[in-house]
Amino acid sequence: MDSFSMLLHKEFYYIRHGQTDWNAKGLMQGFTDIPLNDTGRKQAYEAAESIKHVKIQTICASPLGRALETAQILNQVLNCEIVIIDDLKEAGFGNQEGLVDDGWFEAWKDGEFTPEGAETRQVFIERAANAVNTAINRPGPVLIAAHGGLYGAIKHHFDLPDYEPLPNCALCHHTPPNLESPIWQRRFVNKIN
């Protein structure tokens, strides 16, 4: 039984950080702390407009600057507590950070390859599960501001359909299984162009 089978059944919101220069160039970021670029800040302000009507009580953010700045921009309209959770960081990609994916990423996701100095996929999944549980156990509704890779681990284990990767600053509302729906449900709060 994996860590996600024990995920708390509480609604939450999730936003992937705004765009960085490395996103724009297709470079793997991982633990490397790359800031938002001007486009990323604009995306975050637009996302803030989409969620200002929701009574978020807590924002839980990755400590990496791109996610934390996204959270801070959203908090200009939400006015709630921001809690930094270290384990909400992106997966560590070791010697592949700062490089274009040359095909290793799919093998890493399948657990068949781990770059030098990187986290294994299983270690990352366990860390992500614990971090999400820590986040959604805070007073809610909770908004998690984190990363695309972390979201990929979450959606896989929530048994959501395998959508395309989450775009920068895509903001999703998740509701747990219930009598009407036996699986987690995801709804986009904002429109990403």
Protein backbone atom coordinates (compact mmCIF):
# COMPACT_ATOMS: atom_id res chain seq x y z
CA MET A 1 0.00 0.00 0.00
CA ASP A 2 1.51 3.35 -0.99
CA SER A 3 1.38 6.62 0.93
CA PHE A 4 -1.38 8.11 -1.21
CA SER A 5 -3.90 5.46 -0.20
CA MET A 6 -3.90 7.23 3.17
CA LEU A 7 -4.43 10.73 1.77
CA LEU A 8 -6.81 12.80 3.88
CA HIS A 9 -10.23 13.24 2.32
CA LYS A 10 -10.48 17.04 2.42
CA GLU A 11 -11.11 19.48 -0.38
CA PHE A 12 -8.18 21.66 -1.39
CA TYR A 13 -6.97 24.01 -4.10
CA TYR A 14 -3.68 23.64 -5.98
CA ILE A 15 -1.75 26.11 -8.09
CA ARG A 16 1.41 25.48 -10.02
CA HIS A 17 3.82 28.42 -9.80
CA GLY A 18 3.99 31.06 -12.51
CA GLN A 19 6.41 30.87 -15.42
CA THR A 20 10.17 31.18 -14.98
CA ASP A 21 12.84 31.78 -17.61
CA TRP A 22 13.77 28.10 -17.30
CA ASN A 23 10.15 27.06 -17.97
CA ALA A 24 10.18 29.24 -21.08
CA LYS A 25 13.39 27.51 -22.26
CA GLY A 26 12.18 23.99 -21.40
CA LEU A 27 14.88 23.43 -18.76
CA MET A 28 14.43 21.06 -15.81
CA GLN A 29 14.30 23.08 -12.56
CA GLY A 30 14.01 20.64 -9.66
CA PHE A 31 15.51 22.05 -6.46
CA THR A 32 17.21 24.91 -8.35
CA ASP A 33 15.65 28.13 -7.07
CA ILE A 34 14.68 29.98 -10.25
CA PRO A 35 12.52 33.13 -9.74
CA LEU A 36 9.34 34.02 -11.59
CA ASN A 37 9.79 36.08 -14.72
CA ASP A 38 7.48 38.96 -15.70
CA THR A 39 5.10 36.56 -17.46
CA GLY A 40 4.95 34.40 -14.33
CA ARG A 41 4.10 37.38 -12.15
CA LYS A 42 1.35 38.43 -14.58
CA GLN A 43 -0.03 34.87 -14.51
CA ALA A 44 -0.07 34.92 -10.70
CA TYR A 45 -1.95 38.24 -10.59
CA GLU A 46 -4.50 36.85 -13.07
CA ALA A 47 -4.91 33.70 -10.95
CA ALA A 48 -5.44 35.88 -7.87
CA GLU A 49 -8.39 37.53 -9.61
CA SER A 50 -9.87 34.06 -10.26
CA ILE A 51 -9.72 32.97 -6.62
CA LYS A 52 -10.43 36.17 -4.72
CA HIS A 53 -14.05 35.06 -4.13
CA VAL A 54 -12.95 31.82 -2.38
CA LYS A 55 -12.53 31.97 1.40
CA ILE A 56 -9.10 30.32 1.54
CA GLN A 57 -7.91 30.08 5.16
CA THR A 58 -4.37 28.82 4.63
CA ILE A 59 -1.88 28.88 1.77
CA CYS A 60 0.74 26.14 2.01
CA ALA A 61 3.73 26.88 -0.20
CA SER A 62 6.93 25.31 -1.36
CA PRO A 63 9.97 27.23 -0.08
CA LEU A 64 11.31 27.62 -3.62
CA GLY A 65 11.03 31.24 -4.74
CA ARG A 66 8.89 30.60 -7.82
CA ALA A 67 6.14 28.94 -5.74
CA LEU A 68 6.50 31.20 -2.72
CA GLU A 69 6.25 34.39 -4.80
CA THR A 70 3.17 32.96 -6.54
CA ALA A 71 1.64 32.35 -3.09
CA GLN A 72 2.52 35.86 -1.94
CA ILE A 73 0.89 37.41 -5.00
CA LEU A 74 -2.30 35.39 -4.44
CA ASN A 75 -2.26 36.37 -0.79
CA GLN A 76 -2.59 40.04 -1.75
CA VAL A 77 -6.29 39.26 -2.35
CA LEU A 78 -6.74 36.28 0.00
CA ASN A 79 -5.20 37.82 3.14
CA CYS A 80 -4.58 34.57 4.96
CA GLU A 81 -1.74 32.70 6.62
CA ILE A 82 1.09 31.41 4.40
CA VAL A 83 2.74 28.26 5.74
CA ILE A 84 5.98 27.12 4.10
CA ILE A 85 6.27 23.34 3.90
CA ASP A 86 9.75 22.25 2.82
CA ASP A 87 8.54 18.92 1.40
CA LEU A 88 6.30 20.70 -1.13
CA LYS A 89 9.48 21.36 -3.16
CA GLU A 90 9.75 20.02 -6.68
CA ALA A 91 11.50 16.69 -7.20
CA GLY A 92 15.26 16.92 -7.03
CA PHE A 93 16.60 16.11 -10.50
CA GLY A 94 20.30 16.08 -9.60
CA ASN A 95 22.69 16.59 -12.49
CA GLN A 96 19.77 17.09 -14.93
CA GLU A 97 18.74 20.44 -13.41
CA GLY A 98 19.29 23.29 -15.83
CA LEU A 99 19.21 20.94 -18.83
CA VAL A 100 16.59 20.05 -21.43
CA ASP A 101 14.99 16.63 -20.90
CA ASP A 102 16.69 14.27 -23.35
CA GLY A 103 14.29 11.43 -22.60
CA TRP A 104 15.34 10.45 -19.07
CA PHE A 105 12.26 11.99 -17.40
CA GLU A 106 9.79 9.31 -18.59
CA ALA A 107 12.18 6.59 -17.39
CA TRP A 108 12.44 8.39 -14.02
CA LYS A 109 8.62 8.59 -13.76
CA ASP A 110 8.47 4.84 -14.45
CA GLY A 111 11.05 4.20 -11.71
CA GLU A 112 13.55 2.81 -14.23
CA PHE A 113 16.22 5.54 -14.00
CA THR A 114 17.45 8.06 -11.46
CA PRO A 115 19.88 10.80 -12.53
CA GLU A 116 23.03 11.25 -10.48
CA GLY A 117 22.24 13.19 -7.31
CA ALA A 118 18.46 13.01 -7.89
CA GLU A 119 15.63 11.69 -5.73
CA THR A 120 14.17 8.38 -6.77
CA ARG A 121 10.59 8.56 -7.99
CA GLN A 122 9.39 6.52 -4.98
CA VAL A 123 11.15 8.79 -2.45
CA PHE A 124 9.59 11.80 -4.18
CA ILE A 125 6.09 10.25 -4.15
CA GLU A 126 6.34 9.46 -0.43
CA ARG A 127 7.58 12.99 0.31
CA ALA A 128 4.78 14.49 -1.79
CA ALA A 129 2.13 12.39 -0.02
CA ASN A 130 3.32 13.44 3.41
CA ALA A 131 3.57 17.09 2.37
CA VAL A 132 0.07 17.17 0.90
CA ASN A 133 -1.37 15.51 4.02
CA THR A 134 0.44 18.06 6.19
CA ALA A 135 -0.94 20.89 4.03
CA ILE A 136 -4.57 19.79 3.83
CA ASN A 137 -4.64 19.07 7.56
CA ARG A 138 -4.27 22.84 8.18
CA PRO A 139 -7.37 25.03 8.65
CA GLY A 140 -9.15 25.07 5.31
CA PRO A 141 -9.99 25.48 2.64
CA VAL A 142 -6.28 25.19 1.89
CA LEU A 143 -4.48 26.38 -1.24
CA ILE A 144 -1.23 24.57 -2.09
CA ALA A 145 1.25 26.62 -4.14
CA ALA A 146 3.86 24.27 -5.51
CA HIS A 147 5.19 22.60 -8.66
CA GLY A 148 4.23 20.65 -11.77
CA GLY A 149 6.14 17.52 -10.81
CA LEU A 150 4.59 17.42 -7.37
CA TYR A 151 1.16 17.78 -8.95
CA GLY A 152 1.96 14.96 -11.36
CA ALA A 153 2.63 12.64 -8.42
CA ILE A 154 -0.60 13.74 -6.75
CA LYS A 155 -2.88 13.36 -9.78
CA HIS A 156 -1.45 9.93 -10.56
CA HIS A 157 -2.25 8.66 -7.09
CA PHE A 158 -5.64 10.36 -6.89
CA ASP A 159 -6.55 8.26 -9.92
CA LEU A 160 -7.40 11.35 -11.95
CA PRO A 161 -7.26 10.96 -15.72
CA ASP A 162 -3.76 11.48 -17.10
CA TYR A 163 -4.24 15.04 -18.29
CA GLU A 164 -1.49 16.99 -19.98
CA PRO A 165 1.03 18.56 -17.57
CA LEU A 166 -0.44 21.34 -15.44
CA PRO A 167 0.29 24.72 -17.09
CA ASN A 168 2.02 27.47 -15.14
CA CYS A 169 -0.43 29.17 -12.76
CA ALA A 170 -3.24 26.70 -13.48
CA LEU A 171 -5.47 26.78 -10.40
CA CYS A 172 -7.50 23.66 -9.57
CA HIS A 173 -10.12 22.81 -6.96
CA HIS A 174 -10.08 19.19 -5.76
CA THR A 175 -12.88 17.40 -3.97
CA PRO A 176 -12.49 13.97 -2.38
CA PRO A 177 -14.47 10.85 -3.28
CA ASN A 178 -18.03 10.84 -2.00
CA LEU A 179 -21.34 9.04 -2.58
CA GLU A 180 -21.85 10.82 -5.91
CA SER A 181 -18.31 10.28 -7.21
CA PRO A 182 -16.03 7.44 -6.13
CA ILE A 183 -12.85 9.24 -7.25
CA TRP A 184 -11.20 12.60 -6.62
CA GLN A 185 -12.61 15.36 -8.82
CA ARG A 186 -10.64 18.27 -10.30
CA ARG A 187 -12.11 21.53 -11.56
CA PHE A 188 -10.10 24.41 -13.03
CA VAL A 189 -10.80 27.72 -11.29
CA ASN A 190 -9.04 29.86 -13.90
CA LYS A 191 -8.55 29.77 -17.65
CA ILE A 192 -5.01 29.38 -18.92
CA ASN A 193 -4.21 30.59 -22.42
